[in-house]
Amino acid sequence: MLRSNRDKQQAYEFVSIEELVPQDHLLRKVDKYIDFSFIDEKVRPLYCTDNGRPAIDPIVLFKMIFLGYFYGIRSERQLEREIQTNLAYRWFLGLGLTDNVPDHSTISWNRRTRFKDTGIFQEILW
């Protein structure tokens, strides 16, 4: 008798991204040894505290750009697609399975404006 996996794909399951990302994954090592919290202080003056819609966490945006450089993903559109489907990337960014990934245009704008002038990349990479 043949069985189809289609029914399994529609079933609800309780899963943890923490358990799905291997303990020896390279991004776990990066997360362990690089403290990205300094980014908040660097970019705080660039954000308005009492006007506009809530901002996307600047650490998430920076880590997205970091992933692009780290894995050689040159297109922000491709980076957005990769993050949507890669569990290790989602884990690294602190995104759940159903969380929306920031749009490629948001990634691009922040790379060109906010992060360019702060020297954050130079501080980490050089």
PDB file of N, CA and C in Angstrom:
ATOM      1  N   MET A   1       0.840  -1.182   0.000  1.00  0.00           N
ATOM      2  CA  MET A   1       0.000   0.000   0.000  1.00  0.00           C
ATOM      3  C   MET A   1       0.889   1.250   0.000  1.00  0.00           C
ATOM      4  N   LEU A   2       0.582   2.183  -0.834  1.00  0.00           N
ATOM      5  CA  LEU A   2       1.323   3.430  -0.915  1.00  0.00           C
ATOM      6  C   LEU A   2       0.830   4.419   0.133  1.00  0.00           C
ATOM      7  N   ARG A   3       1.767   5.174   0.692  1.00  0.00           N
ATOM      8  CA  ARG A   3       1.402   6.210   1.645  1.00  0.00           C
ATOM      9  C   ARG A   3       1.849   7.561   1.105  1.00  0.00           C
ATOM     10  N   SER A   4       1.074   8.541   1.414  1.00  0.00           N
ATOM     11  CA  SER A   4       1.403   9.893   0.992  1.00  0.00           C
ATOM     12  C   SER A   4       1.878  10.708   2.184  1.00  0.00           C
ATOM     13  N   ASN A   5       2.848  11.559   1.951  1.00  0.00           N
ATOM     14  CA  ASN A   5       3.328  12.457   3.009  1.00  0.00           C
ATOM     15  C   ASN A   5       2.546  13.755   3.054  1.00  0.00           C
ATOM     16  N   ARG A   6       1.627  13.934   2.132  1.00  0.00           N
ATOM     17  CA  ARG A   6       0.860  15.185   2.090  1.00  0.00           C
ATOM     18  C   ARG A   6       0.098  15.439   3.383  1.00  0.00           C
ATOM     19  N   ASP A   7      -0.466  14.385   3.946  1.00  0.00           N
ATOM     20  CA  ASP A   7      -1.205  14.559   5.197  1.00  0.00           C
ATOM     21  C   ASP A   7      -0.271  14.971   6.341  1.00  0.00           C
ATOM     22  N   LYS A   8       0.940  14.456   6.350  1.00  0.00           N
ATOM     23  CA  LYS A   8       1.898  14.815   7.392  1.00  0.00           C
ATOM     24  C   LYS A   8       2.271  16.287   7.322  1.00  0.00           C
ATOM     25  N   GLN A   9       2.368  16.830   6.140  1.00  0.00           N
ATOM     26  CA  GLN A   9       2.763  18.214   5.988  1.00  0.00           C
ATOM     27  C   GLN A   9       1.697  19.174   6.486  1.00  0.00           C
ATOM     28  N   GLN A  10       0.483  18.734   6.589  1.00  0.00           N
ATOM     29  CA  GLN A  10      -0.595  19.579   7.090  1.00  0.00           C
ATOM     30  C   GLN A  10      -0.841  19.393   8.587  1.00  0.00           C
ATOM     31  N   ALA A  11      -0.127  18.488   9.213  1.00  0.00           N
ATOM     32  CA  ALA A  11      -0.305  18.227  10.637  1.00  0.00           C
ATOM     33  C   ALA A  11       0.422  19.287  11.470  1.00  0.00           C
ATOM     34  N   TYR A  12      -0.104  19.567  12.647  1.00  0.00           N
ATOM     35  CA  TYR A  12       0.534  20.500  13.573  1.00  0.00           C
ATOM     36  C   TYR A  12       1.521  19.745  14.445  1.00  0.00           C
ATOM     37  N   GLU A  13       2.665  20.335  14.645  1.00  0.00           N
ATOM     38  CA  GLU A  13       3.685  19.727  15.492  1.00  0.00           C
ATOM     39  C   GLU A  13       4.283  20.789  16.401  1.00  0.00           C
ATOM     40  N   PHE A  14       4.660  20.393  17.589  1.00  0.00           N
ATOM     41  CA  PHE A  14       5.391  21.279  18.486  1.00  0.00           C
ATOM     42  C   PHE A  14       6.872  21.024  18.257  1.00  0.00           C
ATOM     43  N   VAL A  15       7.555  22.055  17.808  1.00  0.00           N
ATOM     44  CA  VAL A  15       8.983  21.926  17.553  1.00  0.00           C
ATOM     45  C   VAL A  15       9.710  23.120  18.157  1.00  0.00           C
ATOM     46  N   SER A  16      10.986  22.934  18.355  1.00  0.00           N
ATOM     47  CA  SER A  16      11.838  23.998  18.867  1.00  0.00           C
ATOM     48  C   SER A  16      12.988  24.190  17.894  1.00  0.00           C
ATOM     49  N   ILE A  17      13.162  25.417  17.425  1.00  0.00           N
ATOM     50  CA  ILE A  17      14.286  25.682  16.525  1.00  0.00           C
ATOM     51  C   ILE A  17      15.586  25.344  17.244  1.00  0.00           C
ATOM     52  N   GLU A  18      15.638  25.589  18.532  1.00  0.00           N
ATOM     53  CA  GLU A  18      16.830  25.279  19.323  1.00  0.00           C
ATOM     54  C   GLU A  18      17.244  23.821  19.137  1.00  0.00           C
ATOM     55  N   GLU A  19      16.294  22.926  19.084  1.00  0.00           N
ATOM     56  CA  GLU A  19      16.585  21.501  18.922  1.00  0.00           C
ATOM     57  C   GLU A  19      16.888  21.130  17.472  1.00  0.00           C
ATOM     58  N   LEU A  20      16.403  21.917  16.528  1.00  0.00           N
ATOM     59  CA  LEU A  20      16.581  21.586  15.118  1.00  0.00           C
ATOM     60  C   LEU A  20      17.934  22.035  14.556  1.00  0.00           C
ATOM     61  N   VAL A  21      18.556  23.012  15.192  1.00  0.00           N
ATOM     62  CA  VAL A  21      19.864  23.498  14.733  1.00  0.00           C
ATOM     63  C   VAL A  21      20.948  22.684  15.439  1.00  0.00           C
ATOM     64  N   PRO A  22      21.804  22.021  14.669  1.00  0.00           N
ATOM     65  CA  PRO A  22      22.846  21.176  15.283  1.00  0.00           C
ATOM     66  C   PRO A  22      23.742  21.963  16.242  1.00  0.00           C
ATOM     67  N   GLN A  23      24.150  21.315  17.306  1.00  0.00           N
ATOM     68  CA  GLN A  23      24.986  21.962  18.319  1.00  0.00           C
ATOM     69  C   GLN A  23      26.337  22.407  17.767  1.00  0.00           C
ATOM     70  N   ASP A  24      26.821  21.747  16.720  1.00  0.00           N
ATOM     71  CA  ASP A  24      28.123  22.110  16.159  1.00  0.00           C
ATOM     72  C   ASP A  24      28.011  23.042  14.947  1.00  0.00           C
ATOM     73  N   HIS A  25      26.849  23.630  14.737  1.00  0.00           N
ATOM     74  CA  HIS A  25      26.666  24.539  13.600  1.00  0.00           C
ATOM     75  C   HIS A  25      27.549  25.772  13.791  1.00  0.00           C
ATOM     76  N   LEU A  26      28.138  26.244  12.706  1.00  0.00           N
ATOM     77  CA  LEU A  26      29.045  27.386  12.753  1.00  0.00           C
ATOM     78  C   LEU A  26      28.398  28.629  13.362  1.00  0.00           C
ATOM     79  N   LEU A  27      27.115  28.857  13.098  1.00  0.00           N
ATOM     80  CA  LEU A  27      26.452  30.041  13.646  1.00  0.00           C
ATOM     81  C   LEU A  27      26.311  29.972  15.168  1.00  0.00           C
ATOM     82  N   ARG A  28      26.274  28.790  15.726  1.00  0.00           N
ATOM     83  CA  ARG A  28      26.265  28.673  17.190  1.00  0.00           C
ATOM     84  C   ARG A  28      27.596  29.191  17.763  1.00  0.00           C
ATOM     85  N   LYS A  29      28.680  28.901  17.059  1.00  0.00           N
ATOM     86  CA  LYS A  29      29.992  29.388  17.509  1.00  0.00           C
ATOM     87  C   LYS A  29      30.081  30.903  17.374  1.00  0.00           C
ATOM     88  N   VAL A  30      29.601  31.423  16.270  1.00  0.00           N
ATOM     89  CA  VAL A  30      29.594  32.876  16.078  1.00  0.00           C
ATOM     90  C   VAL A  30      28.783  33.532  17.191  1.00  0.00           C
ATOM     91  N   ASP A  31      27.611  32.989  17.472  1.00  0.00           N
ATOM     92  CA  ASP A  31      26.738  33.544  18.503  1.00  0.00           C
ATOM     93  C   ASP A  31      27.392  33.479  19.883  1.00  0.00           C
ATOM     94  N   LYS A  32      28.160  32.441  20.105  1.00  0.00           N
ATOM     95  CA  LYS A  32      28.817  32.262  21.401  1.00  0.00           C
ATOM     96  C   LYS A  32      29.960  33.260  21.610  1.00  0.00           C
ATOM     97  N   TYR A  33      30.710  33.559  20.557  1.00  0.00           N
ATOM     98  CA  TYR A  33      31.920  34.354  20.708  1.00  0.00           C
ATOM     99  C   TYR A  33      31.797  35.822  20.318  1.00  0.00           C
ATOM    100  N   ILE A  34      30.749  36.188  19.609  1.00  0.00           N
ATOM    101  CA  ILE A  34      30.575  37.596  19.254  1.00  0.00           C
ATOM    102  C   ILE A  34      29.363  38.143  19.995  1.00  0.00           C
ATOM    103  N   ASP A  35      29.608  39.161  20.794  1.00  0.00           N
ATOM    104  CA  ASP A  35      28.525  39.827  21.518  1.00  0.00           C
ATOM    105  C   ASP A  35      28.047  41.008  20.671  1.00  0.00           C
ATOM    106  N   PHE A  36      26.869  40.875  20.093  1.00  0.00           N
ATOM    107  CA  PHE A  36      26.334  41.895  19.203  1.00  0.00           C
ATOM    108  C   PHE A  36      25.598  43.018  19.940  1.00  0.00           C
ATOM    109  N   SER A  37      25.584  42.991  21.258  1.00  0.00           N
ATOM    110  CA  SER A  37      24.803  43.973  22.007  1.00  0.00           C
ATOM    111  C   SER A  37      25.327  45.405  21.844  1.00  0.00           C
ATOM    112  N   PHE A  38      26.582  45.570  21.478  1.00  0.00           N
ATOM    113  CA  PHE A  38      27.134  46.911  21.304  1.00  0.00           C
ATOM    114  C   PHE A  38      26.439  47.671  20.171  1.00  0.00           C
ATOM    115  N   ILE A  39      25.770  46.962  19.290  1.00  0.00           N
ATOM    116  CA  ILE A  39      25.111  47.598  18.145  1.00  0.00           C
ATOM    117  C   ILE A  39      24.016  48.549  18.616  1.00  0.00           C
ATOM    118  N   ASP A  40      23.281  48.160  19.639  1.00  0.00           N
ATOM    119  CA  ASP A  40      22.225  49.031  20.167  1.00  0.00           C
ATOM    120  C   ASP A  40      22.750  50.418  20.508  1.00  0.00           C
ATOM    121  N   GLU A  41      23.860  50.473  21.225  1.00  0.00           N
ATOM    122  CA  GLU A  41      24.432  51.767  21.611  1.00  0.00           C
ATOM    123  C   GLU A  41      24.922  52.562  20.410  1.00  0.00           C
ATOM    124  N   LYS A  42      25.505  51.857  19.451  1.00  0.00           N
ATOM    125  CA  LYS A  42      26.027  52.535  18.255  1.00  0.00           C
ATOM    126  C   LYS A  42      24.929  53.202  17.434  1.00  0.00           C
ATOM    127  N   VAL A  43      23.775  52.545  17.331  1.00  0.00           N
ATOM    128  CA  VAL A  43      22.733  53.057  16.435  1.00  0.00           C
ATOM    129  C   VAL A  43      21.608  53.793  17.168  1.00  0.00           C
ATOM    130  N   ARG A  44      21.614  53.788  18.482  1.00  0.00           N
ATOM    131  CA  ARG A  44      20.542  54.450  19.243  1.00  0.00           C
ATOM    132  C   ARG A  44      20.293  55.893  18.802  1.00  0.00           C
ATOM    133  N   PRO A  45      21.329  56.698  18.556  1.00  0.00           N
ATOM    134  CA  PRO A  45      21.077  58.086  18.131  1.00  0.00           C
ATOM    135  C   PRO A  45      20.410  58.193  16.754  1.00  0.00           C
ATOM    136  N   LEU A  46      20.413  57.114  15.991  1.00  0.00           N
ATOM    137  CA  LEU A  46      19.839  57.144  14.647  1.00  0.00           C
ATOM    138  C   LEU A  46      18.344  56.830  14.638  1.00  0.00           C
ATOM    139  N   TYR A  47      17.791  56.464  15.793  1.00  0.00           N
ATOM    140  CA  TYR A  47      16.380  56.105  15.888  1.00  0.00           C
ATOM    141  C   TYR A  47      15.622  57.157  16.690  1.00  0.00           C
ATOM    142  N   CYS A  48      14.400  57.423  16.283  1.00  0.00           N
ATOM    143  CA  CYS A  48      13.530  58.342  17.009  1.00  0.00           C
ATOM    144  C   CYS A  48      12.766  57.550  18.062  1.00  0.00           C
ATOM    145  N   THR A  49      12.726  58.038  19.291  1.00  0.00           N
ATOM    146  CA  THR A  49      12.086  57.297  20.375  1.00  0.00           C
ATOM    147  C   THR A  49      10.592  57.552  20.491  1.00  0.00           C
ATOM    148  N   ASP A  50      10.100  58.650  19.917  1.00  0.00           N
ATOM    149  CA  ASP A  50       8.696  58.991  20.148  1.00  0.00           C
ATOM    150  C   ASP A  50       7.916  59.286  18.869  1.00  0.00           C
ATOM    151  N   ASN A  51       8.394  58.822  17.747  1.00  0.00           N
ATOM    152  CA  ASN A  51       7.705  59.118  16.497  1.00  0.00           C
ATOM    153  C   ASN A  51       7.870  57.934  15.529  1.00  0.00           C
ATOM    154  N   GLY A  52       6.846  57.673  14.754  1.00  0.00           N
ATOM    155  CA  GLY A  52       6.926  56.609  13.752  1.00  0.00           C
ATOM    156  C   GLY A  52       6.513  55.262  14.288  1.00  0.00           C
ATOM    157  N   ARG A  53       6.569  54.295  13.411  1.00  0.00           N
ATOM    158  CA  ARG A  53       6.181  52.935  13.814  1.00  0.00           C
ATOM    159  C   ARG A  53       7.343  52.246  14.524  1.00  0.00           C
ATOM    160  N   PRO A  54       7.053  51.178  15.250  1.00  0.00           N
ATOM    161  CA  PRO A  54       8.128  50.474  15.967  1.00  0.00           C
ATOM    162  C   PRO A  54       9.193  49.965  14.993  1.00  0.00           C
ATOM    163  N   ALA A  55      10.436  50.137  15.370  1.00  0.00           N
ATOM    164  CA  ALA A  55      11.550  49.735  14.513  1.00  0.00           C
ATOM    165  C   ALA A  55      11.821  48.245  14.632  1.00  0.00           C
ATOM    166  N   ILE A  56      12.386  47.690  13.579  1.00  0.00           N
ATOM    167  CA  ILE A  56      12.898  46.326  13.628  1.00  0.00           C
ATOM    168  C   ILE A  56      14.183  46.379  14.450  1.00  0.00           C
ATOM    169  N   ASP A  57      14.370  45.404  15.277  1.00  0.00           N
ATOM    170  CA  ASP A  57      15.552  45.347  16.137  1.00  0.00           C
ATOM    171  C   ASP A  57      16.815  45.529  15.289  1.00  0.00           C
ATOM    172  N   PRO A  58      17.637  46.553  15.597  1.00  0.00           N
ATOM    173  CA  PRO A  58      18.835  46.791  14.795  1.00  0.00           C
ATOM    174  C   PRO A  58      19.830  45.630  14.833  1.00  0.00           C
ATOM    175  N   ILE A  59      19.831  44.867  15.918  1.00  0.00           N
ATOM    176  CA  ILE A  59      20.726  43.705  15.983  1.00  0.00           C
ATOM    177  C   ILE A  59      20.291  42.665  14.958  1.00  0.00           C
ATOM    178  N   VAL A  60      18.985  42.473  14.807  1.00  0.00           N
ATOM    179  CA  VAL A  60      18.478  41.529  13.802  1.00  0.00           C
ATOM    180  C   VAL A  60      18.876  42.000  12.409  1.00  0.00           C
ATOM    181  N   LEU A  61      18.686  43.279  12.131  1.00  0.00           N
ATOM    182  CA  LEU A  61      19.052  43.813  10.817  1.00  0.00           C
ATOM    183  C   LEU A  61      20.549  43.653  10.563  1.00  0.00           C
ATOM    184  N   PHE A  62      21.359  43.963  11.563  1.00  0.00           N
ATOM    185  CA  PHE A  62      22.798  43.820  11.386  1.00  0.00           C
ATOM    186  C   PHE A  62      23.173  42.362  11.160  1.00  0.00           C
ATOM    187  N   LYS A  63      22.590  41.460  11.958  1.00  0.00           N
ATOM    188  CA  LYS A  63      22.903  40.044  11.797  1.00  0.00           C
ATOM    189  C   LYS A  63      22.485  39.528  10.421  1.00  0.00           C
ATOM    190  N   MET A  64      21.410  40.080   9.868  1.00  0.00           N
ATOM    191  CA  MET A  64      20.996  39.681   8.524  1.00  0.00           C
ATOM    192  C   MET A  64      22.075  40.057   7.512  1.00  0.00           C
ATOM    193  N   ILE A  65      22.570  41.281   7.623  1.00  0.00           N
ATOM    194  CA  ILE A  65      23.626  41.726   6.717  1.00  0.00           C
ATOM    195  C   ILE A  65      24.899  40.904   6.959  1.00  0.00           C
ATOM    196  N   PHE A  66      25.187  40.618   8.206  1.00  0.00           N
ATOM    197  CA  PHE A  66      26.327  39.782   8.569  1.00  0.00           C
ATOM    198  C   PHE A  66      26.222  38.411   7.901  1.00  0.00           C
ATOM    199  N   LEU A  67      25.021  37.810   7.944  1.00  0.00           N
ATOM    200  CA  LEU A  67      24.816  36.514   7.287  1.00  0.00           C
ATOM    201  C   LEU A  67      25.126  36.596   5.796  1.00  0.00           C
ATOM    202  N   GLY A  68      24.688  37.676   5.175  1.00  0.00           N
ATOM    203  CA  GLY A  68      24.963  37.854   3.758  1.00  0.00           C
ATOM    204  C   GLY A  68      26.452  37.867   3.458  1.00  0.00           C
ATOM    205  N   TYR A  69      27.212  38.635   4.233  1.00  0.00           N
ATOM    206  CA  TYR A  69      28.660  38.683   4.052  1.00  0.00           C
ATOM    207  C   TYR A  69      29.304  37.339   4.388  1.00  0.00           C
ATOM    208  N   PHE A  70      28.881  36.764   5.487  1.00  0.00           N
ATOM    209  CA  PHE A  70      29.479  35.535   6.006  1.00  0.00           C
ATOM    210  C   PHE A  70      29.301  34.366   5.037  1.00  0.00           C
ATOM    211  N   TYR A  71      28.130  34.284   4.419  1.00  0.00           N
ATOM    212  CA  TYR A  71      27.839  33.166   3.518  1.00  0.00           C
ATOM    213  C   TYR A  71      27.891  33.555   2.043  1.00  0.00           C
ATOM    214  N   GLY A  72      28.360  34.740   1.732  1.00  0.00           N
ATOM    215  CA  GLY A  72      28.531  35.144   0.341  1.00  0.00           C
ATOM    216  C   GLY A  72      27.225  35.341  -0.414  1.00  0.00           C
ATOM    217  N   ILE A  73      26.192  35.764   0.295  1.00  0.00           N
ATOM    218  CA  ILE A  73      24.897  36.035  -0.342  1.00  0.00           C
ATOM    219  C   ILE A  73      24.898  37.510  -0.714  1.00  0.00           C
ATOM    220  N   ARG A  74      25.051  37.795  -1.977  1.00  0.00           N
ATOM    221  CA  ARG A  74      25.283  39.170  -2.428  1.00  0.00           C
ATOM    222  C   ARG A  74      24.002  39.963  -2.660  1.00  0.00           C
ATOM    223  N   SER A  75      22.906  39.296  -2.800  1.00  0.00           N
ATOM    224  CA  SER A  75      21.639  39.960  -3.091  1.00  0.00           C
ATOM    225  C   SER A  75      20.769  39.996  -1.835  1.00  0.00           C
ATOM    226  N   GLU A  76      20.222  41.163  -1.511  1.00  0.00           N
ATOM    227  CA  GLU A  76      19.324  41.258  -0.360  1.00  0.00           C
ATOM    228  C   GLU A  76      18.041  40.461  -0.598  1.00  0.00           C
ATOM    229  N   ARG A  77      17.586  40.402  -1.841  1.00  0.00           N
ATOM    230  CA  ARG A  77      16.412  39.582  -2.147  1.00  0.00           C
ATOM    231  C   ARG A  77      16.698  38.110  -1.861  1.00  0.00           C
ATOM    232  N   GLN A  78      17.860  37.650  -2.291  1.00  0.00           N
ATOM    233  CA  GLN A  78      18.243  36.258  -2.035  1.00  0.00           C
ATOM    234  C   GLN A  78      18.434  36.019  -0.546  1.00  0.00           C
ATOM    235  N   LEU A  79      19.015  36.990   0.144  1.00  0.00           N
ATOM    236  CA  LEU A  79      19.206  36.867   1.585  1.00  0.00           C
ATOM    237  C   LEU A  79      17.860  36.711   2.289  1.00  0.00           C
ATOM    238  N   GLU A  80      16.892  37.510   1.903  1.00  0.00           N
ATOM    239  CA  GLU A  80      15.548  37.393   2.483  1.00  0.00           C
ATOM    240  C   GLU A  80      14.986  35.981   2.263  1.00  0.00           C
ATOM    241  N   ARG A  81      15.119  35.469   1.043  1.00  0.00           N
ATOM    242  CA  ARG A  81      14.612  34.114   0.742  1.00  0.00           C
ATOM    243  C   ARG A  81      15.345  33.043   1.541  1.00  0.00           C
ATOM    244  N   GLU A  82      16.657  33.198   1.663  1.00  0.00           N
ATOM    245  CA  GLU A  82      17.454  32.207   2.407  1.00  0.00           C
ATOM    246  C   GLU A  82      17.046  32.179   3.884  1.00  0.00           C
ATOM    247  N   ILE A  83      16.837  33.351   4.454  1.00  0.00           N
ATOM    248  CA  ILE A  83      16.444  33.422   5.867  1.00  0.00           C
ATOM    249  C   ILE A  83      15.052  32.831   6.059  1.00  0.00           C
ATOM    250  N   GLN A  84      14.172  33.006   5.095  1.00  0.00           N
ATOM    251  CA  GLN A  84      12.829  32.443   5.199  1.00  0.00           C
ATOM    252  C   GLN A  84      12.865  30.923   5.310  1.00  0.00           C
ATOM    253  N   THR A  85      13.848  30.285   4.683  1.00  0.00           N
ATOM    254  CA  THR A  85      13.844  28.822   4.619  1.00  0.00           C
ATOM    255  C   THR A  85      14.917  28.126   5.450  1.00  0.00           C
ATOM    256  N   ASN A  86      15.904  28.855   5.954  1.00  0.00           N
ATOM    257  CA  ASN A  86      17.010  28.230   6.661  1.00  0.00           C
ATOM    258  C   ASN A  86      16.795  28.345   8.172  1.00  0.00           C
ATOM    259  N   LEU A  87      16.624  27.213   8.820  1.00  0.00           N
ATOM    260  CA  LEU A  87      16.364  27.201  10.264  1.00  0.00           C
ATOM    261  C   LEU A  87      17.526  27.759  11.074  1.00  0.00           C
ATOM    262  N   ALA A  88      18.748  27.495  10.661  1.00  0.00           N
ATOM    263  CA  ALA A  88      19.908  28.004  11.400  1.00  0.00           C
ATOM    264  C   ALA A  88      19.965  29.530  11.325  1.00  0.00           C
ATOM    265  N   TYR A  89      19.627  30.089  10.177  1.00  0.00           N
ATOM    266  CA  TYR A  89      19.599  31.548  10.053  1.00  0.00           C
ATOM    267  C   TYR A  89      18.524  32.131  10.957  1.00  0.00           C
ATOM    268  N   ARG A  90      17.344  31.509  10.959  1.00  0.00           N
ATOM    269  CA  ARG A  90      16.253  31.972  11.827  1.00  0.00           C
ATOM    270  C   ARG A  90      16.679  31.903  13.296  1.00  0.00           C
ATOM    271  N   TRP A  91      17.313  30.803  13.671  1.00  0.00           N
ATOM    272  CA  TRP A  91      17.776  30.651  15.057  1.00  0.00           C
ATOM    273  C   TRP A  91      18.757  31.774  15.404  1.00  0.00           C
ATOM    274  N   PHE A  92      19.736  32.020  14.536  1.00  0.00           N
ATOM    275  CA  PHE A  92      20.758  33.042  14.755  1.00  0.00           C
ATOM    276  C   PHE A  92      20.135  34.424  14.936  1.00  0.00           C
ATOM    277  N   LEU A  93      19.067  34.682  14.190  1.00  0.00           N
ATOM    278  CA  LEU A  93      18.401  35.982  14.255  1.00  0.00           C
ATOM    279  C   LEU A  93      17.378  36.076  15.382  1.00  0.00           C
ATOM    280  N   GLY A  94      17.070  34.961  16.010  1.00  0.00           N
ATOM    281  CA  GLY A  94      16.060  34.963  17.063  1.00  0.00           C
ATOM    282  C   GLY A  94      14.644  34.988  16.516  1.00  0.00           C
ATOM    283  N   LEU A  95      14.465  34.538  15.277  1.00  0.00           N
ATOM    284  CA  LEU A  95      13.142  34.497  14.654  1.00  0.00           C
ATOM    285  C   LEU A  95      12.524  33.116  14.828  1.00  0.00           C
ATOM    286  N   GLY A  96      11.233  33.090  15.092  1.00  0.00           N
ATOM    287  CA  GLY A  96      10.517  31.834  15.154  1.00  0.00           C
ATOM    288  C   GLY A  96      10.133  31.355  13.761  1.00  0.00           C
ATOM    289  N   LEU A  97       9.538  30.187  13.703  1.00  0.00           N
ATOM    290  CA  LEU A  97       9.147  29.609  12.413  1.00  0.00           C
ATOM    291  C   LEU A  97       8.088  30.438  11.700  1.00  0.00           C
ATOM    292  N   THR A  98       7.250  31.120  12.447  1.00  0.00           N
ATOM    293  CA  THR A  98       6.172  31.883  11.824  1.00  0.00           C
ATOM    294  C   THR A  98       6.440  33.390  11.796  1.00  0.00           C
ATOM    295  N   ASP A  99       7.583  33.825  12.331  1.00  0.00           N
ATOM    296  CA  ASP A  99       7.922  35.251  12.301  1.00  0.00           C
ATOM    297  C   ASP A  99       8.218  35.694  10.873  1.00  0.00           C
ATOM    298  N   ASN A 100       7.792  36.909  10.553  1.00  0.00           N
ATOM    299  CA  ASN A 100       8.100  37.480   9.248  1.00  0.00           C
ATOM    300  C   ASN A 100       9.560  37.885   9.189  1.00  0.00           C
ATOM    301  N   VAL A 101      10.165  37.655   8.052  1.00  0.00           N
ATOM    302  CA  VAL A 101      11.539  38.094   7.814  1.00  0.00           C
ATOM    303  C   VAL A 101      11.467  39.514   7.270  1.00  0.00           C
ATOM    304  N   PRO A 102      12.287  40.427   7.795  1.00  0.00           N
ATOM    305  CA  PRO A 102      12.274  41.784   7.243  1.00  0.00           C
ATOM    306  C   PRO A 102      12.504  41.777   5.733  1.00  0.00           C
ATOM    307  N   ASP A 103      11.840  42.675   5.070  1.00  0.00           N
ATOM    308  CA  ASP A 103      11.881  42.768   3.619  1.00  0.00           C
ATOM    309  C   ASP A 103      13.278  43.138   3.118  1.00  0.00           C
ATOM    310  N   HIS A 104      13.596  42.686   1.917  1.00  0.00           N
ATOM    311  CA  HIS A 104      14.912  42.972   1.337  1.00  0.00           C
ATOM    312  C   HIS A 104      15.182  44.476   1.227  1.00  0.00           C
ATOM    313  N   SER A 105      14.136  45.264   0.996  1.00  0.00           N
ATOM    314  CA  SER A 105      14.345  46.713   0.883  1.00  0.00           C
ATOM    315  C   SER A 105      14.738  47.321   2.232  1.00  0.00           C
ATOM    316  N   THR A 106      14.243  46.770   3.310  1.00  0.00           N
ATOM    317  CA  THR A 106      14.623  47.227   4.656  1.00  0.00           C
ATOM    318  C   THR A 106      16.080  46.880   4.936  1.00  0.00           C
ATOM    319  N   ILE A 107      16.479  45.675   4.537  1.00  0.00           N
ATOM    320  CA  ILE A 107      17.873  45.259   4.710  1.00  0.00           C
ATOM    321  C   ILE A 107      18.786  46.210   3.939  1.00  0.00           C
ATOM    322  N   SER A 108      18.435  46.457   2.693  1.00  0.00           N
ATOM    323  CA  SER A 108      19.246  47.289   1.810  1.00  0.00           C
ATOM    324  C   SER A 108      19.365  48.719   2.343  1.00  0.00           C
ATOM    325  N   TRP A 109      18.242  49.289   2.745  1.00  0.00           N
ATOM    326  CA  TRP A 109      18.248  50.670   3.236  1.00  0.00           C
ATOM    327  C   TRP A 109      19.144  50.801   4.469  1.00  0.00           C
ATOM    328  N   ASN A 110      19.025  49.865   5.390  1.00  0.00           N
ATOM    329  CA  ASN A 110      19.842  49.929   6.604  1.00  0.00           C
ATOM    330  C   ASN A 110      21.320  49.724   6.293  1.00  0.00           C
ATOM    331  N   ARG A 111      21.629  48.843   5.362  1.00  0.00           N
ATOM    332  CA  ARG A 111      23.022  48.637   4.977  1.00  0.00           C
ATOM    333  C   ARG A 111      23.608  49.912   4.390  1.00  0.00           C
ATOM    334  N   ARG A 112      22.844  50.578   3.527  1.00  0.00           N
ATOM    335  CA  ARG A 112      23.338  51.778   2.845  1.00  0.00           C
ATOM    336  C   ARG A 112      23.379  53.008   3.738  1.00  0.00           C
ATOM    337  N   THR A 113      22.538  53.075   4.761  1.00  0.00           N
ATOM    338  CA  THR A 113      22.449  54.302   5.553  1.00  0.00           C
ATOM    339  C   THR A 113      22.912  54.104   6.990  1.00  0.00           C
ATOM    340  N   ARG A 114      22.141  53.439   7.781  1.00  0.00           N
ATOM    341  CA  ARG A 114      22.440  53.340   9.219  1.00  0.00           C
ATOM    342  C   ARG A 114      23.781  52.692   9.506  1.00  0.00           C
ATOM    343  N   PHE A 115      24.028  51.526   8.914  1.00  0.00           N
ATOM    344  CA  PHE A 115      25.227  50.783   9.282  1.00  0.00           C
ATOM    345  C   PHE A 115      26.479  51.275   8.571  1.00  0.00           C
ATOM    346  N   LYS A 116      26.315  51.946   7.473  1.00  0.00           N
ATOM    347  CA  LYS A 116      27.480  52.435   6.726  1.00  0.00           C
ATOM    348  C   LYS A 116      28.244  53.482   7.528  1.00  0.00           C
ATOM    349  N   ASP A 117      27.532  54.396   8.118  1.00  0.00           N
ATOM    350  CA  ASP A 117      28.178  55.527   8.780  1.00  0.00           C
ATOM    351  C   ASP A 117      28.611  55.263  10.221  1.00  0.00           C
ATOM    352  N   THR A 118      28.194  54.148  10.793  1.00  0.00           N
ATOM    353  CA  THR A 118      28.523  53.894  12.194  1.00  0.00           C
ATOM    354  C   THR A 118      29.858  53.189  12.380  1.00  0.00           C
ATOM    355  N   GLY A 119      30.402  52.582  11.332  1.00  0.00           N
ATOM    356  CA  GLY A 119      31.660  51.850  11.448  1.00  0.00           C
ATOM    357  C   GLY A 119      31.516  50.513  12.135  1.00  0.00           C
ATOM    358  N   ILE A 120      30.295  49.994  12.221  1.00  0.00           N
ATOM    359  CA  ILE A 120      30.056  48.722  12.915  1.00  0.00           C
ATOM    360  C   ILE A 120      30.786  47.573  12.238  1.00  0.00           C
ATOM    361  N   PHE A 121      30.734  47.506  10.920  1.00  0.00           N
ATOM    362  CA  PHE A 121      31.380  46.403  10.225  1.00  0.00           C
ATOM    363  C   PHE A 121      32.896  46.428  10.435  1.00  0.00           C
ATOM    364  N   GLN A 122      33.476  47.605  10.400  1.00  0.00           N
ATOM    365  CA  GLN A 122      34.901  47.711  10.622  1.00  0.00           C
ATOM    366  C   GLN A 122      35.270  47.238  12.029  1.00  0.00           C
ATOM    367  N   GLU A 123      34.402  47.546  12.976  1.00  0.00           N
ATOM    368  CA  GLU A 123      34.663  47.166  14.370  1.00  0.00           C
ATOM    369  C   GLU A 123      34.671  45.647  14.539  1.00  0.00           C
ATOM    370  N   ILE A 124      33.812  44.956  13.808  1.00  0.00           N
ATOM    371  CA  ILE A 124      33.735  43.503  13.942  1.00  0.00           C
ATOM    372  C   ILE A 124      34.722  42.784  13.022  1.00  0.00           C
ATOM    373  N   LEU A 125      34.771  43.225  11.777  1.00  0.00           N
ATOM    374  CA  LEU A 125      35.491  42.454  10.762  1.00  0.00           C
ATOM    375  C   LEU A 125      36.964  42.787  10.659  1.00  0.00           C
ATOM    376  N   TRP A 126      37.359  43.968  11.111  1.00  0.00           N
ATOM    377  CA  TRP A 126      38.778  44.306  10.946  1.00  0.00           C
ATOM    378  C   TRP A 126      39.438  44.488  12.255  1.00  0.00           C
TER     379      TRP A 126
END
